[in-house]
Amino acid sequence: MAEMDIHQVLAHLPQRFPILMIDRVLECEPGKRILALKNVSANEPYFPGHFPNRPVMPGVLILEAMAQAAGVLVFRTLGTRPDDKSVYYYAGIDNARFKRPIEPGDQLLVEVTIQGSKRGIWKFSCAARVGEALAAEADILCTVRPAGSEER
């Protein structure tokens, strides 16, 4: 159940500011689950526009935090790291539900559990919480593909 600081997170994710959504990993059991942390700061670049009078973290970025936590888990499970030759993609999002808004000052805890993998597509069950309160949940599918292999 290894903890990972921001430097270790960056070594396991291709994303960088302003789209990096994971600050720390609190627990990681390769092949099983991960618990990651996102400190939601008042100076996040999306808050001035979403929304000026009531800043709320966009739901798509909560889903992105889930996918990034899942990415760290996959790379740790496989014992690999992202590189310039591959891209980590969403393959699907099912059963996404948003239960409460995420606001500046919140600490978002993202728990991701591997449900299985088949032919390079991984399925995860994800939950995002603020404290004990469920903020969002979803089942997501992700895959790693060679860069440039996407259909045009």
N, C-alpha and C. Protein backbone atom coordinates (compact mmCIF):
# COMPACT_ATOMS: atom_id res chain seq x y z
N MET A 1 0.85 -1.18 0.00
CA MET A 1 0.00 0.00 0.00
C MET A 1 0.89 1.23 0.00
N ALA A 2 1.58 1.44 -1.09
CA ALA A 2 2.59 2.48 -1.18
C ALA A 2 1.99 3.86 -1.42
N GLU A 3 2.48 4.82 -0.65
CA GLU A 3 2.14 6.22 -0.87
C GLU A 3 3.08 6.77 -1.94
N MET A 4 2.58 7.74 -2.72
CA MET A 4 3.40 8.35 -3.77
C MET A 4 3.29 9.87 -3.66
N ASP A 5 4.44 10.56 -3.66
CA ASP A 5 4.41 12.02 -3.65
C ASP A 5 4.21 12.53 -5.08
N ILE A 6 4.17 13.85 -5.24
CA ILE A 6 3.89 14.44 -6.55
C ILE A 6 4.94 14.05 -7.59
N HIS A 7 6.19 13.89 -7.18
CA HIS A 7 7.24 13.52 -8.14
C HIS A 7 7.02 12.11 -8.68
N GLN A 8 6.60 11.20 -7.81
CA GLN A 8 6.30 9.83 -8.24
C GLN A 8 5.04 9.80 -9.09
N VAL A 9 4.05 10.63 -8.75
CA VAL A 9 2.83 10.72 -9.57
C VAL A 9 3.19 11.18 -10.97
N LEU A 10 3.99 12.23 -11.07
CA LEU A 10 4.40 12.76 -12.38
C LEU A 10 5.15 11.72 -13.21
N ALA A 11 5.88 10.83 -12.55
CA ALA A 11 6.60 9.77 -13.27
C ALA A 11 5.65 8.72 -13.83
N HIS A 12 4.40 8.66 -13.30
CA HIS A 12 3.44 7.65 -13.73
C HIS A 12 2.27 8.22 -14.52
N LEU A 13 2.32 9.50 -14.86
CA LEU A 13 1.25 10.13 -15.65
C LEU A 13 1.86 11.02 -16.73
N PRO A 14 1.26 11.02 -17.92
CA PRO A 14 1.75 11.94 -18.95
C PRO A 14 1.18 13.36 -18.79
N GLN A 15 0.09 13.53 -18.05
CA GLN A 15 -0.54 14.84 -17.90
C GLN A 15 0.33 15.79 -17.08
N ARG A 16 0.22 17.07 -17.41
CA ARG A 16 0.92 18.13 -16.69
C ARG A 16 -0.06 19.29 -16.49
N PHE A 17 0.37 20.30 -15.70
CA PHE A 17 -0.45 21.48 -15.48
C PHE A 17 -0.85 22.07 -16.83
N PRO A 18 -2.08 22.49 -17.02
CA PRO A 18 -3.13 22.68 -16.02
C PRO A 18 -4.12 21.51 -15.91
N ILE A 19 -3.83 20.38 -16.56
CA ILE A 19 -4.79 19.28 -16.55
C ILE A 19 -4.42 18.18 -15.56
N LEU A 20 -3.31 18.30 -14.86
CA LEU A 20 -2.94 17.32 -13.85
C LEU A 20 -3.95 17.38 -12.70
N MET A 21 -4.61 16.27 -12.40
CA MET A 21 -5.68 16.24 -11.41
C MET A 21 -5.37 15.40 -10.18
N ILE A 22 -4.14 14.91 -10.07
CA ILE A 22 -3.74 14.10 -8.91
C ILE A 22 -2.52 14.76 -8.26
N ASP A 23 -2.61 15.04 -6.96
CA ASP A 23 -1.51 15.66 -6.23
C ASP A 23 -0.68 14.63 -5.45
N ARG A 24 -1.32 13.56 -5.03
CA ARG A 24 -0.65 12.57 -4.18
C ARG A 24 -1.43 11.27 -4.24
N VAL A 25 -0.73 10.16 -4.05
CA VAL A 25 -1.37 8.87 -3.89
C VAL A 25 -1.20 8.46 -2.43
N LEU A 26 -2.31 8.20 -1.77
CA LEU A 26 -2.28 7.82 -0.36
C LEU A 26 -2.10 6.32 -0.18
N GLU A 27 -2.70 5.54 -1.07
CA GLU A 27 -2.59 4.08 -1.03
C GLU A 27 -2.59 3.55 -2.46
N CYS A 28 -1.78 2.55 -2.71
CA CYS A 28 -1.79 1.90 -4.02
C CYS A 28 -1.49 0.42 -3.84
N GLU A 29 -2.43 -0.40 -4.23
CA GLU A 29 -2.26 -1.85 -4.26
C GLU A 29 -2.28 -2.27 -5.72
N PRO A 30 -1.10 -2.37 -6.37
CA PRO A 30 -1.08 -2.75 -7.78
C PRO A 30 -1.92 -4.00 -8.04
N GLY A 31 -2.68 -3.94 -9.11
CA GLY A 31 -3.56 -5.05 -9.47
C GLY A 31 -4.91 -4.99 -8.79
N LYS A 32 -5.10 -4.03 -7.85
CA LYS A 32 -6.36 -3.97 -7.10
C LYS A 32 -6.98 -2.59 -7.05
N ARG A 33 -6.35 -1.66 -6.29
CA ARG A 33 -7.00 -0.37 -6.06
C ARG A 33 -5.98 0.72 -5.77
N ILE A 34 -6.48 1.96 -5.85
CA ILE A 34 -5.67 3.13 -5.54
C ILE A 34 -6.55 4.16 -4.86
N LEU A 35 -5.96 4.93 -3.96
CA LEU A 35 -6.63 6.06 -3.32
C LEU A 35 -5.75 7.27 -3.55
N ALA A 36 -6.26 8.23 -4.32
CA ALA A 36 -5.49 9.41 -4.70
C ALA A 36 -6.14 10.67 -4.15
N LEU A 37 -5.35 11.73 -4.06
CA LEU A 37 -5.80 13.00 -3.48
C LEU A 37 -5.62 14.13 -4.48
N LYS A 38 -6.64 14.96 -4.59
CA LYS A 38 -6.58 16.21 -5.37
C LYS A 38 -6.96 17.34 -4.42
N ASN A 39 -6.01 18.23 -4.15
CA ASN A 39 -6.30 19.43 -3.37
C ASN A 39 -6.93 20.45 -4.32
N VAL A 40 -8.15 20.83 -4.04
CA VAL A 40 -8.86 21.75 -4.93
C VAL A 40 -8.61 23.17 -4.43
N SER A 41 -7.77 23.88 -5.17
CA SER A 41 -7.35 25.22 -4.78
C SER A 41 -8.24 26.29 -5.41
N ALA A 42 -8.36 27.41 -4.72
CA ALA A 42 -9.17 28.52 -5.25
C ALA A 42 -8.56 29.10 -6.52
N ASN A 43 -7.28 28.86 -6.78
CA ASN A 43 -6.67 29.42 -7.98
C ASN A 43 -6.61 28.43 -9.14
N GLU A 44 -7.44 27.40 -9.13
CA GLU A 44 -7.52 26.49 -10.28
C GLU A 44 -7.94 27.32 -11.50
N PRO A 45 -7.38 27.04 -12.67
CA PRO A 45 -7.63 27.90 -13.84
C PRO A 45 -9.08 27.91 -14.34
N TYR A 46 -9.89 26.94 -13.97
CA TYR A 46 -11.27 26.87 -14.46
C TYR A 46 -12.27 27.62 -13.59
N PHE A 47 -11.92 27.94 -12.34
CA PHE A 47 -12.89 28.54 -11.42
C PHE A 47 -13.40 29.92 -11.85
N PRO A 48 -12.59 30.81 -12.44
CA PRO A 48 -13.14 32.11 -12.83
C PRO A 48 -14.31 32.01 -13.81
N GLY A 49 -14.34 30.95 -14.61
CA GLY A 49 -15.42 30.79 -15.58
C GLY A 49 -16.46 29.76 -15.19
N HIS A 50 -16.22 29.00 -14.12
CA HIS A 50 -17.12 27.89 -13.74
C HIS A 50 -17.33 27.86 -12.24
N PHE A 51 -18.00 28.68 -11.66
CA PHE A 51 -18.79 29.80 -12.11
C PHE A 51 -18.33 31.05 -11.38
N PRO A 52 -18.38 32.23 -11.99
CA PRO A 52 -17.84 33.43 -11.35
C PRO A 52 -18.42 33.71 -9.96
N ASN A 53 -19.71 33.46 -9.75
CA ASN A 53 -20.33 33.75 -8.46
C ASN A 53 -20.35 32.57 -7.50
N ARG A 54 -20.10 31.39 -8.00
CA ARG A 54 -20.10 30.18 -7.17
C ARG A 54 -19.16 29.15 -7.80
N PRO A 55 -17.86 29.20 -7.49
CA PRO A 55 -16.90 28.29 -8.13
C PRO A 55 -17.20 26.82 -7.81
N VAL A 56 -17.31 26.01 -8.86
CA VAL A 56 -17.58 24.58 -8.75
C VAL A 56 -16.67 23.84 -9.73
N MET A 57 -16.04 22.78 -9.26
CA MET A 57 -15.18 21.96 -10.13
C MET A 57 -16.04 21.28 -11.18
N PRO A 58 -15.70 21.44 -12.47
CA PRO A 58 -16.49 20.79 -13.52
C PRO A 58 -16.50 19.26 -13.38
N GLY A 59 -17.66 18.66 -13.63
CA GLY A 59 -17.81 17.21 -13.54
C GLY A 59 -16.84 16.46 -14.42
N VAL A 60 -16.56 17.00 -15.60
CA VAL A 60 -15.63 16.31 -16.50
C VAL A 60 -14.23 16.25 -15.90
N LEU A 61 -13.87 17.23 -15.07
CA LEU A 61 -12.55 17.19 -14.44
C LEU A 61 -12.52 16.23 -13.26
N ILE A 62 -13.66 16.01 -12.62
CA ILE A 62 -13.74 14.97 -11.60
C ILE A 62 -13.54 13.61 -12.27
N LEU A 63 -14.18 13.41 -13.42
CA LEU A 63 -13.98 12.18 -14.19
C LEU A 63 -12.53 12.05 -14.65
N GLU A 64 -11.91 13.16 -15.01
CA GLU A 64 -10.50 13.14 -15.41
C GLU A 64 -9.61 12.72 -14.24
N ALA A 65 -9.92 13.20 -13.03
CA ALA A 65 -9.16 12.78 -11.84
C ALA A 65 -9.28 11.27 -11.65
N MET A 66 -10.47 10.73 -11.89
CA MET A 66 -10.67 9.28 -11.79
C MET A 66 -9.79 8.55 -12.81
N ALA A 67 -9.80 9.04 -14.06
CA ALA A 67 -9.01 8.39 -15.11
C ALA A 67 -7.52 8.48 -14.81
N GLN A 68 -7.07 9.61 -14.27
CA GLN A 68 -5.65 9.73 -13.95
C GLN A 68 -5.25 8.80 -12.82
N ALA A 69 -6.09 8.68 -11.80
CA ALA A 69 -5.80 7.73 -10.73
C ALA A 69 -5.76 6.31 -11.30
N ALA A 70 -6.70 6.01 -12.19
CA ALA A 70 -6.71 4.69 -12.84
C ALA A 70 -5.43 4.49 -13.65
N GLY A 71 -4.96 5.54 -14.31
CA GLY A 71 -3.73 5.45 -15.10
C GLY A 71 -2.53 5.11 -14.22
N VAL A 72 -2.40 5.79 -13.10
CA VAL A 72 -1.30 5.49 -12.17
C VAL A 72 -1.39 4.03 -11.75
N LEU A 73 -2.61 3.57 -11.43
CA LEU A 73 -2.81 2.18 -11.00
C LEU A 73 -2.41 1.20 -12.10
N VAL A 74 -2.79 1.46 -13.34
CA VAL A 74 -2.43 0.56 -14.45
C VAL A 74 -0.91 0.52 -14.63
N PHE A 75 -0.28 1.70 -14.68
CA PHE A 75 1.17 1.72 -14.87
C PHE A 75 1.90 1.03 -13.72
N ARG A 76 1.42 1.22 -12.49
CA ARG A 76 2.03 0.53 -11.35
C ARG A 76 1.78 -0.98 -11.44
N THR A 77 0.59 -1.38 -11.86
CA THR A 77 0.25 -2.79 -12.00
C THR A 77 1.13 -3.47 -13.04
N LEU A 78 1.33 -2.79 -14.17
CA LEU A 78 2.14 -3.36 -15.26
C LEU A 78 3.63 -3.17 -15.04
N GLY A 79 4.01 -2.35 -14.08
CA GLY A 79 5.42 -2.07 -13.85
C GLY A 79 6.04 -1.25 -14.97
N THR A 80 5.22 -0.41 -15.62
CA THR A 80 5.70 0.42 -16.72
C THR A 80 5.42 1.89 -16.39
N ARG A 81 5.85 2.75 -17.30
CA ARG A 81 5.61 4.19 -17.17
C ARG A 81 5.17 4.73 -18.52
N PRO A 82 4.47 5.84 -18.52
CA PRO A 82 4.07 6.43 -19.81
C PRO A 82 5.31 6.87 -20.58
N ASP A 83 5.18 6.87 -21.91
CA ASP A 83 6.28 7.32 -22.76
C ASP A 83 5.71 8.05 -23.97
N ASP A 84 6.59 8.56 -24.81
CA ASP A 84 6.17 9.33 -25.99
C ASP A 84 5.59 8.45 -27.09
N LYS A 85 5.70 7.14 -26.95
CA LYS A 85 5.23 6.23 -27.99
C LYS A 85 3.80 5.75 -27.76
N SER A 86 3.21 6.12 -26.62
CA SER A 86 1.85 5.64 -26.32
C SER A 86 1.02 6.76 -25.70
N VAL A 87 -0.30 6.59 -25.82
CA VAL A 87 -1.26 7.54 -25.27
C VAL A 87 -2.28 6.76 -24.45
N TYR A 88 -2.64 7.32 -23.30
CA TYR A 88 -3.60 6.72 -22.38
C TYR A 88 -4.96 7.38 -22.64
N TYR A 89 -5.95 6.58 -23.09
CA TYR A 89 -7.25 7.09 -23.50
C TYR A 89 -8.40 6.57 -22.65
N TYR A 90 -9.46 7.38 -22.59
CA TYR A 90 -10.76 6.87 -22.16
C TYR A 90 -11.30 5.98 -23.26
N ALA A 91 -11.92 4.87 -22.91
CA ALA A 91 -12.63 4.04 -23.87
C ALA A 91 -14.13 4.08 -23.59
N GLY A 92 -14.51 4.51 -22.38
CA GLY A 92 -15.94 4.63 -22.05
C GLY A 92 -16.15 5.11 -20.63
N ILE A 93 -17.32 5.68 -20.41
CA ILE A 93 -17.74 6.12 -19.08
C ILE A 93 -19.19 5.66 -18.91
N ASP A 94 -19.44 4.89 -17.88
CA ASP A 94 -20.79 4.39 -17.60
C ASP A 94 -21.20 4.77 -16.18
N ASN A 95 -22.48 4.92 -15.99
CA ASN A 95 -23.06 5.11 -14.65
C ASN A 95 -22.48 6.29 -13.90
N ALA A 96 -22.11 7.36 -14.60
CA ALA A 96 -21.57 8.54 -13.93
C ALA A 96 -22.69 9.27 -13.20
N ARG A 97 -22.44 9.57 -11.93
CA ARG A 97 -23.40 10.28 -11.10
C ARG A 97 -22.65 11.30 -10.26
N PHE A 98 -23.22 12.49 -10.14
CA PHE A 98 -22.62 13.57 -9.37
C PHE A 98 -23.55 13.88 -8.21
N LYS A 99 -23.04 13.75 -6.99
CA LYS A 99 -23.86 13.82 -5.78
C LYS A 99 -23.75 15.15 -5.04
N ARG A 100 -22.59 15.82 -5.14
CA ARG A 100 -22.41 17.10 -4.44
C ARG A 100 -21.34 17.89 -5.17
N PRO A 101 -21.42 19.23 -5.12
CA PRO A 101 -20.41 20.04 -5.80
C PRO A 101 -19.06 19.98 -5.07
N ILE A 102 -18.00 20.13 -5.85
CA ILE A 102 -16.64 20.22 -5.32
C ILE A 102 -16.26 21.70 -5.42
N GLU A 103 -15.85 22.28 -4.30
CA GLU A 103 -15.58 23.71 -4.25
C GLU A 103 -14.13 23.97 -3.82
N PRO A 104 -13.66 25.20 -4.04
CA PRO A 104 -12.31 25.55 -3.59
C PRO A 104 -12.15 25.24 -2.10
N GLY A 105 -11.00 24.67 -1.76
CA GLY A 105 -10.72 24.30 -0.38
C GLY A 105 -11.01 22.85 -0.06
N ASP A 106 -11.77 22.18 -0.94
CA ASP A 106 -12.07 20.76 -0.72
C ASP A 106 -10.84 19.90 -1.03
N GLN A 107 -10.76 18.76 -0.35
CA GLN A 107 -9.79 17.73 -0.72
C GLN A 107 -10.60 16.59 -1.33
N LEU A 108 -10.35 16.34 -2.60
CA LEU A 108 -11.06 15.29 -3.32
C LEU A 108 -10.27 13.99 -3.17
N LEU A 109 -10.89 12.97 -2.59
CA LEU A 109 -10.30 11.64 -2.47
C LEU A 109 -10.89 10.77 -3.56
N VAL A 110 -10.04 10.24 -4.41
CA VAL A 110 -10.48 9.44 -5.55
C VAL A 110 -10.05 8.00 -5.32
N GLU A 111 -11.03 7.11 -5.22
CA GLU A 111 -10.75 5.68 -5.05
C GLU A 111 -11.13 4.96 -6.32
N VAL A 112 -10.19 4.19 -6.84
CA VAL A 112 -10.39 3.45 -8.08
C VAL A 112 -10.05 1.99 -7.82
N THR A 113 -10.95 1.11 -8.24
CA THR A 113 -10.76 -0.33 -8.09
C THR A 113 -10.82 -0.98 -9.46
N ILE A 114 -9.86 -1.84 -9.75
CA ILE A 114 -9.85 -2.57 -11.02
C ILE A 114 -10.97 -3.61 -11.00
N GLN A 115 -11.82 -3.58 -12.03
CA GLN A 115 -12.87 -4.59 -12.19
C GLN A 115 -12.42 -5.70 -13.14
N GLY A 116 -11.46 -5.38 -14.01
CA GLY A 116 -10.94 -6.39 -14.92
C GLY A 116 -10.26 -5.74 -16.11
N SER A 117 -9.63 -6.56 -16.94
CA SER A 117 -9.04 -6.07 -18.19
C SER A 117 -9.14 -7.17 -19.23
N LYS A 118 -9.36 -6.73 -20.46
CA LYS A 118 -9.51 -7.67 -21.57
C LYS A 118 -9.01 -6.98 -22.83
N ARG A 119 -8.09 -7.62 -23.52
CA ARG A 119 -7.54 -7.11 -24.77
C ARG A 119 -7.07 -5.65 -24.66
N GLY A 120 -6.42 -5.33 -23.55
CA GLY A 120 -5.84 -4.00 -23.38
C GLY A 120 -6.80 -2.93 -22.93
N ILE A 121 -8.05 -3.30 -22.66
CA ILE A 121 -9.02 -2.34 -22.14
C ILE A 121 -9.29 -2.69 -20.68
N TRP A 122 -9.09 -1.70 -19.82
CA TRP A 122 -9.25 -1.87 -18.38
C TRP A 122 -10.57 -1.28 -17.93
N LYS A 123 -11.25 -1.97 -17.02
CA LYS A 123 -12.51 -1.47 -16.46
C LYS A 123 -12.29 -1.18 -14.98
N PHE A 124 -12.80 0.00 -14.55
CA PHE A 124 -12.61 0.45 -13.18
C PHE A 124 -13.93 0.91 -12.57
N SER A 125 -14.05 0.71 -11.29
CA SER A 125 -15.12 1.30 -10.49
C SER A 125 -14.49 2.45 -9.72
N CYS A 126 -15.09 3.64 -9.81
CA CYS A 126 -14.48 4.84 -9.25
C CYS A 126 -15.46 5.58 -8.34
N ALA A 127 -14.93 6.16 -7.29
CA ALA A 127 -15.70 7.01 -6.39
C ALA A 127 -14.83 8.18 -5.98
N ALA A 128 -15.44 9.37 -5.95
CA ALA A 128 -14.76 10.58 -5.49
C ALA A 128 -15.51 11.09 -4.27
N ARG A 129 -14.76 11.36 -3.21
CA ARG A 129 -15.37 11.80 -1.96
C ARG A 129 -14.70 13.07 -1.45
N VAL A 130 -15.46 13.83 -0.69
CA VAL A 130 -14.93 14.92 0.11
C VAL A 130 -15.23 14.51 1.54
N GLY A 131 -14.17 14.19 2.29
CA GLY A 131 -14.38 13.59 3.60
C GLY A 131 -15.08 12.25 3.41
N GLU A 132 -16.16 12.05 4.11
CA GLU A 132 -16.95 10.82 3.97
C GLU A 132 -18.07 10.95 2.94
N ALA A 133 -18.32 12.18 2.46
CA ALA A 133 -19.44 12.44 1.56
C ALA A 133 -19.08 12.06 0.12
N LEU A 134 -19.91 11.20 -0.48
CA LEU A 134 -19.73 10.81 -1.88
C LEU A 134 -20.04 12.01 -2.77
N ALA A 135 -19.08 12.39 -3.60
CA ALA A 135 -19.26 13.52 -4.51
C ALA A 135 -19.61 13.06 -5.91
N ALA A 136 -19.00 11.96 -6.36
CA ALA A 136 -19.25 11.45 -7.71
C ALA A 136 -18.83 9.99 -7.76
N GLU A 137 -19.43 9.28 -8.71
CA GLU A 137 -19.05 7.88 -8.95
C GLU A 137 -19.23 7.58 -10.42
N ALA A 138 -18.48 6.61 -10.91
CA ALA A 138 -18.58 6.20 -12.32
C ALA A 138 -17.84 4.89 -12.51
N ASP A 139 -18.23 4.19 -13.56
CA ASP A 139 -17.47 3.06 -14.07
C ASP A 139 -16.79 3.55 -15.33
N ILE A 140 -15.48 3.38 -15.42
CA ILE A 140 -14.77 3.88 -16.59
C ILE A 140 -13.98 2.76 -17.26
N LEU A 141 -13.76 2.94 -18.55
CA LEU A 141 -12.93 2.05 -19.36
C LEU A 141 -11.78 2.88 -19.92
N CYS A 142 -10.56 2.38 -19.80
CA CYS A 142 -9.39 3.08 -20.31
C CYS A 142 -8.48 2.10 -21.03
N THR A 143 -7.64 2.64 -21.91
CA THR A 143 -6.72 1.81 -22.66
C THR A 143 -5.46 2.60 -22.99
N VAL A 144 -4.38 1.92 -23.21
CA VAL A 144 -3.13 2.52 -23.67
C VAL A 144 -2.94 2.05 -25.11
N ARG A 145 -2.72 3.00 -26.01
CA ARG A 145 -2.54 2.69 -27.43
C ARG A 145 -1.27 3.38 -27.94
N PRO A 146 -0.67 2.84 -28.99
CA PRO A 146 0.48 3.51 -29.59
C PRO A 146 0.08 4.90 -30.09
N ALA A 147 0.95 5.88 -29.87
CA ALA A 147 0.68 7.24 -30.35
C ALA A 147 0.58 7.22 -31.87
N GLY A 148 -0.37 7.93 -32.41
CA GLY A 148 -0.57 7.99 -33.85
C GLY A 148 -1.42 6.86 -34.40
N SER A 149 -1.91 5.94 -33.53
CA SER A 149 -2.71 4.82 -34.02
C SER A 149 -4.20 5.13 -34.06
N GLU A 150 -4.60 6.31 -33.56
CA GLU A 150 -6.01 6.65 -33.54
C GLU A 150 -6.54 6.81 -34.97
N GLU A 151 -7.80 6.47 -35.15
CA GLU A 151 -8.40 6.59 -36.48
C GLU A 151 -8.55 8.06 -36.84
N ARG A 152 -8.41 8.34 -38.12
CA ARG A 152 -8.53 9.74 -38.59
C ARG A 152 -9.68 9.85 -39.55
